Amino acid sequence: MKPNERLKHARVKAGFRSAAAAADAMGMRASTYQAHENGNRNFDADDAKRYGRVFGISPEWLLFGTKTETTPQDSLEQPVINAPAELDFFSNKKRPLDLDTFLKARTIARELEAELTGGGVVSYNDYKVLLINTYNDLLLRRDSNENDETVPNEDRPS
């Protein structure tokens, strides 16, 4: 398998239905990504790292077909997220997006989705509701914990 074929395989396996959707999620021009995936243009190590973070795969596997296809989540760098329309939904002027909380909510929402469907997927709108509620719940819990820490133990209600 050639690098561009591995790239397409990784995109599909990661759940992106089209090259344009993957490019949009990474904040890059669709034509650039499509040229990489079609083999019309080679991609370099930096591109492979970006694709690896987004698709959850090893950059080495993308470039050379070596090592394992997947990369353990704890060894991945911070995921690339650049989907302004989606992320704007999670922030406002009073409360900017908390990226760490959003990423945690996304992981939890995906786990819940798999559990609820027996490994399947729910509709996009149902997933969005699940993700929004999970994100807001995590923020409430975090804020509640921060407020509890500011109250001395003897003053806390029992």
Protein backbone atom coordinates (compact mmCIF):
# COMPACT_ATOMS: atom_id res chain seq x y z
CA MET A 1 0.00 0.00 0.00
CA LYS A 2 1.30 3.47 -0.90
CA PRO A 3 1.28 6.43 1.54
CA ASN A 4 -1.73 8.04 -0.14
CA GLU A 5 -3.64 4.75 0.05
CA ARG A 6 -2.79 4.43 3.76
CA LEU A 7 -3.97 8.03 4.25
CA LYS A 8 -7.33 7.29 2.66
CA HIS A 9 -7.65 4.07 4.66
CA ALA A 10 -6.92 5.99 7.89
CA ARG A 11 -9.45 8.71 7.05
CA VAL A 12 -12.23 6.23 6.35
CA LYS A 13 -11.38 4.20 9.45
CA ALA A 14 -11.46 7.40 11.54
CA GLY A 15 -15.04 8.01 10.39
CA PHE A 16 -14.61 10.86 7.92
CA ARG A 17 -16.96 10.23 5.00
CA SER A 18 -15.09 12.48 2.61
CA ALA A 19 -11.68 14.00 2.09
CA ALA A 20 -13.30 17.44 2.25
CA ALA A 21 -14.77 16.69 5.70
CA ALA A 22 -11.37 15.59 6.98
CA ALA A 23 -9.70 18.70 5.55
CA ASP A 24 -12.35 20.92 7.14
CA ALA A 25 -11.82 19.29 10.54
CA MET A 26 -8.10 20.03 10.27
CA GLY A 27 -8.60 23.59 9.05
CA MET A 28 -6.81 23.02 5.78
CA ARG A 29 -7.76 23.47 2.14
CA ALA A 30 -9.67 20.51 0.76
CA SER A 31 -7.62 20.61 -2.45
CA THR A 32 -4.37 20.16 -0.51
CA TYR A 33 -5.66 17.21 1.48
CA GLN A 34 -7.27 15.64 -1.60
CA ALA A 35 -3.98 15.92 -3.51
CA HIS A 36 -2.25 14.06 -0.66
CA GLU A 37 -4.93 11.39 -0.55
CA ASN A 38 -5.10 10.99 -4.35
CA GLY A 39 -1.31 10.69 -4.60
CA ASN A 40 -1.01 13.78 -6.81
CA ARG A 41 1.18 15.41 -4.18
CA ASN A 42 3.40 13.83 -1.52
CA PHE A 43 2.96 14.75 2.12
CA ASP A 44 5.84 15.24 4.56
CA ALA A 45 6.50 14.22 8.17
CA ASP A 46 4.71 17.28 9.58
CA ASP A 47 1.62 16.46 7.53
CA ALA A 48 1.82 12.82 8.66
CA LYS A 49 1.95 13.94 12.31
CA ARG A 50 -1.13 16.12 11.82
CA TYR A 51 -2.99 13.32 10.08
CA GLY A 52 -1.85 10.87 12.73
CA ARG A 53 -3.24 13.03 15.55
CA VAL A 54 -6.57 13.52 13.82
CA PHE A 55 -7.01 9.94 12.62
CA GLY A 56 -5.46 8.29 15.69
CA ILE A 57 -2.77 6.48 13.74
CA SER A 58 1.00 6.30 13.64
CA PRO A 59 2.72 8.87 11.38
CA GLU A 60 5.37 6.23 10.62
CA TRP A 61 2.72 3.85 9.35
CA LEU A 62 1.28 6.58 7.13
CA LEU A 63 4.62 7.43 5.59
CA PHE A 64 6.39 4.08 5.46
CA GLY A 65 3.90 1.35 6.37
CA THR A 66 6.07 0.49 9.39
CA LYS A 67 5.26 0.06 13.07
CA THR A 68 1.68 -0.55 14.01
CA GLU A 69 -1.16 1.17 12.24
CA THR A 70 -2.63 2.64 15.40
CA THR A 71 -0.91 4.73 18.02
CA PRO A 72 -1.90 4.44 21.69
CA GLN A 73 -4.01 7.45 22.70
CA ASP A 74 -1.76 8.40 25.62
CA SER A 75 1.21 8.84 23.31
CA LEU A 76 -0.58 11.15 20.90
CA GLU A 77 0.05 14.85 20.99
CA GLN A 78 -2.87 17.22 21.52
CA PRO A 79 -5.44 16.48 18.81
CA VAL A 80 -5.88 19.00 16.06
CA ILE A 81 -9.28 20.61 16.25
CA ASN A 82 -10.23 23.40 13.93
CA ALA A 83 -13.90 23.13 13.19
CA PRO A 84 -15.09 26.65 14.04
CA ALA A 85 -18.79 26.09 13.36
CA GLU A 86 -18.90 23.13 15.73
CA LEU A 87 -16.71 24.62 18.44
CA ASP A 88 -18.57 27.95 18.41
CA PHE A 89 -21.59 26.05 19.65
CA PHE A 90 -19.66 25.28 22.87
CA SER A 91 -18.52 28.78 23.69
CA ASN A 92 -19.93 32.25 24.04
CA LYS A 93 -18.75 35.68 25.15
CA LYS A 94 -19.34 34.85 28.81
CA ARG A 95 -17.58 31.50 28.67
CA PRO A 96 -14.92 30.73 26.05
CA LEU A 97 -14.40 27.15 24.95
CA ASP A 98 -12.41 25.05 27.41
CA LEU A 99 -10.55 22.79 24.99
CA ASP A 100 -9.39 20.26 27.59
CA THR A 101 -12.95 19.85 28.88
CA PHE A 102 -14.27 19.65 25.32
CA LEU A 103 -11.82 16.87 24.43
CA LYS A 104 -12.71 14.96 27.59
CA ALA A 105 -16.43 15.40 26.82
CA ARG A 106 -15.87 14.15 23.27
CA THR A 107 -14.17 10.99 24.57
CA ILE A 108 -16.94 10.36 27.09
CA ALA A 109 -19.66 11.03 24.49
CA ARG A 110 -18.08 8.55 22.07
CA GLU A 111 -17.91 5.92 24.82
CA LEU A 112 -21.55 6.56 25.74
CA GLU A 113 -22.57 6.38 22.09
CA ALA A 114 -20.88 3.01 21.70
CA GLU A 115 -22.43 1.73 24.92
CA LEU A 116 -25.92 2.93 24.03
CA THR A 117 -25.84 1.48 20.53
CA GLY A 118 -23.87 -1.68 21.19
CA GLY A 119 -20.91 -0.38 19.20
CA GLY A 120 -22.92 1.43 16.55
CA VAL A 121 -23.46 5.11 16.01
CA VAL A 122 -26.32 7.50 16.66
CA SER A 123 -27.43 10.24 14.31
CA TYR A 124 -25.29 13.36 14.06
CA ASN A 125 -27.92 15.45 15.90
CA ASP A 126 -28.24 12.88 18.70
CA TYR A 127 -24.45 12.77 19.07
CA LYS A 128 -24.31 16.56 19.15
CA VAL A 129 -26.89 16.66 21.96
CA LEU A 130 -24.95 13.98 23.84
CA LEU A 131 -21.69 15.90 23.41
CA ILE A 132 -23.21 19.25 24.44
CA ASN A 133 -24.79 17.77 27.56
CA THR A 134 -21.59 15.95 28.50
CA TYR A 135 -19.51 19.12 28.00
CA ASN A 136 -21.90 21.23 30.08
CA ASP A 137 -22.03 18.57 32.81
CA LEU A 138 -18.24 18.48 33.02
CA LEU A 139 -18.12 22.28 33.25
CA LEU A 140 -20.72 22.28 36.03
CA ARG A 141 -18.82 19.61 37.95
CA ARG A 142 -15.55 21.48 37.51
CA ASP A 143 -17.08 24.77 38.61
CA SER A 144 -18.75 23.07 41.57
CA ASN A 145 -15.45 21.52 42.65
CA GLU A 146 -13.67 24.88 42.34
CA ASN A 147 -16.34 26.54 44.49
CA ASP A 148 -16.15 23.76 47.09
CA GLU A 149 -12.40 24.23 47.37
CA THR A 150 -12.81 27.90 48.27
CA VAL A 151 -15.05 27.12 51.26
CA PRO A 152 -13.17 25.99 54.36
CA ASN A 153 -14.11 22.47 55.48
CA GLU A 154 -15.70 23.66 58.74
CA ASP A 155 -18.02 26.01 56.80
CA ARG A 156 -19.25 23.40 54.32
CA PRO A 157 -22.75 22.08 54.82
CA SER A 158 -22.80 18.45 55.86
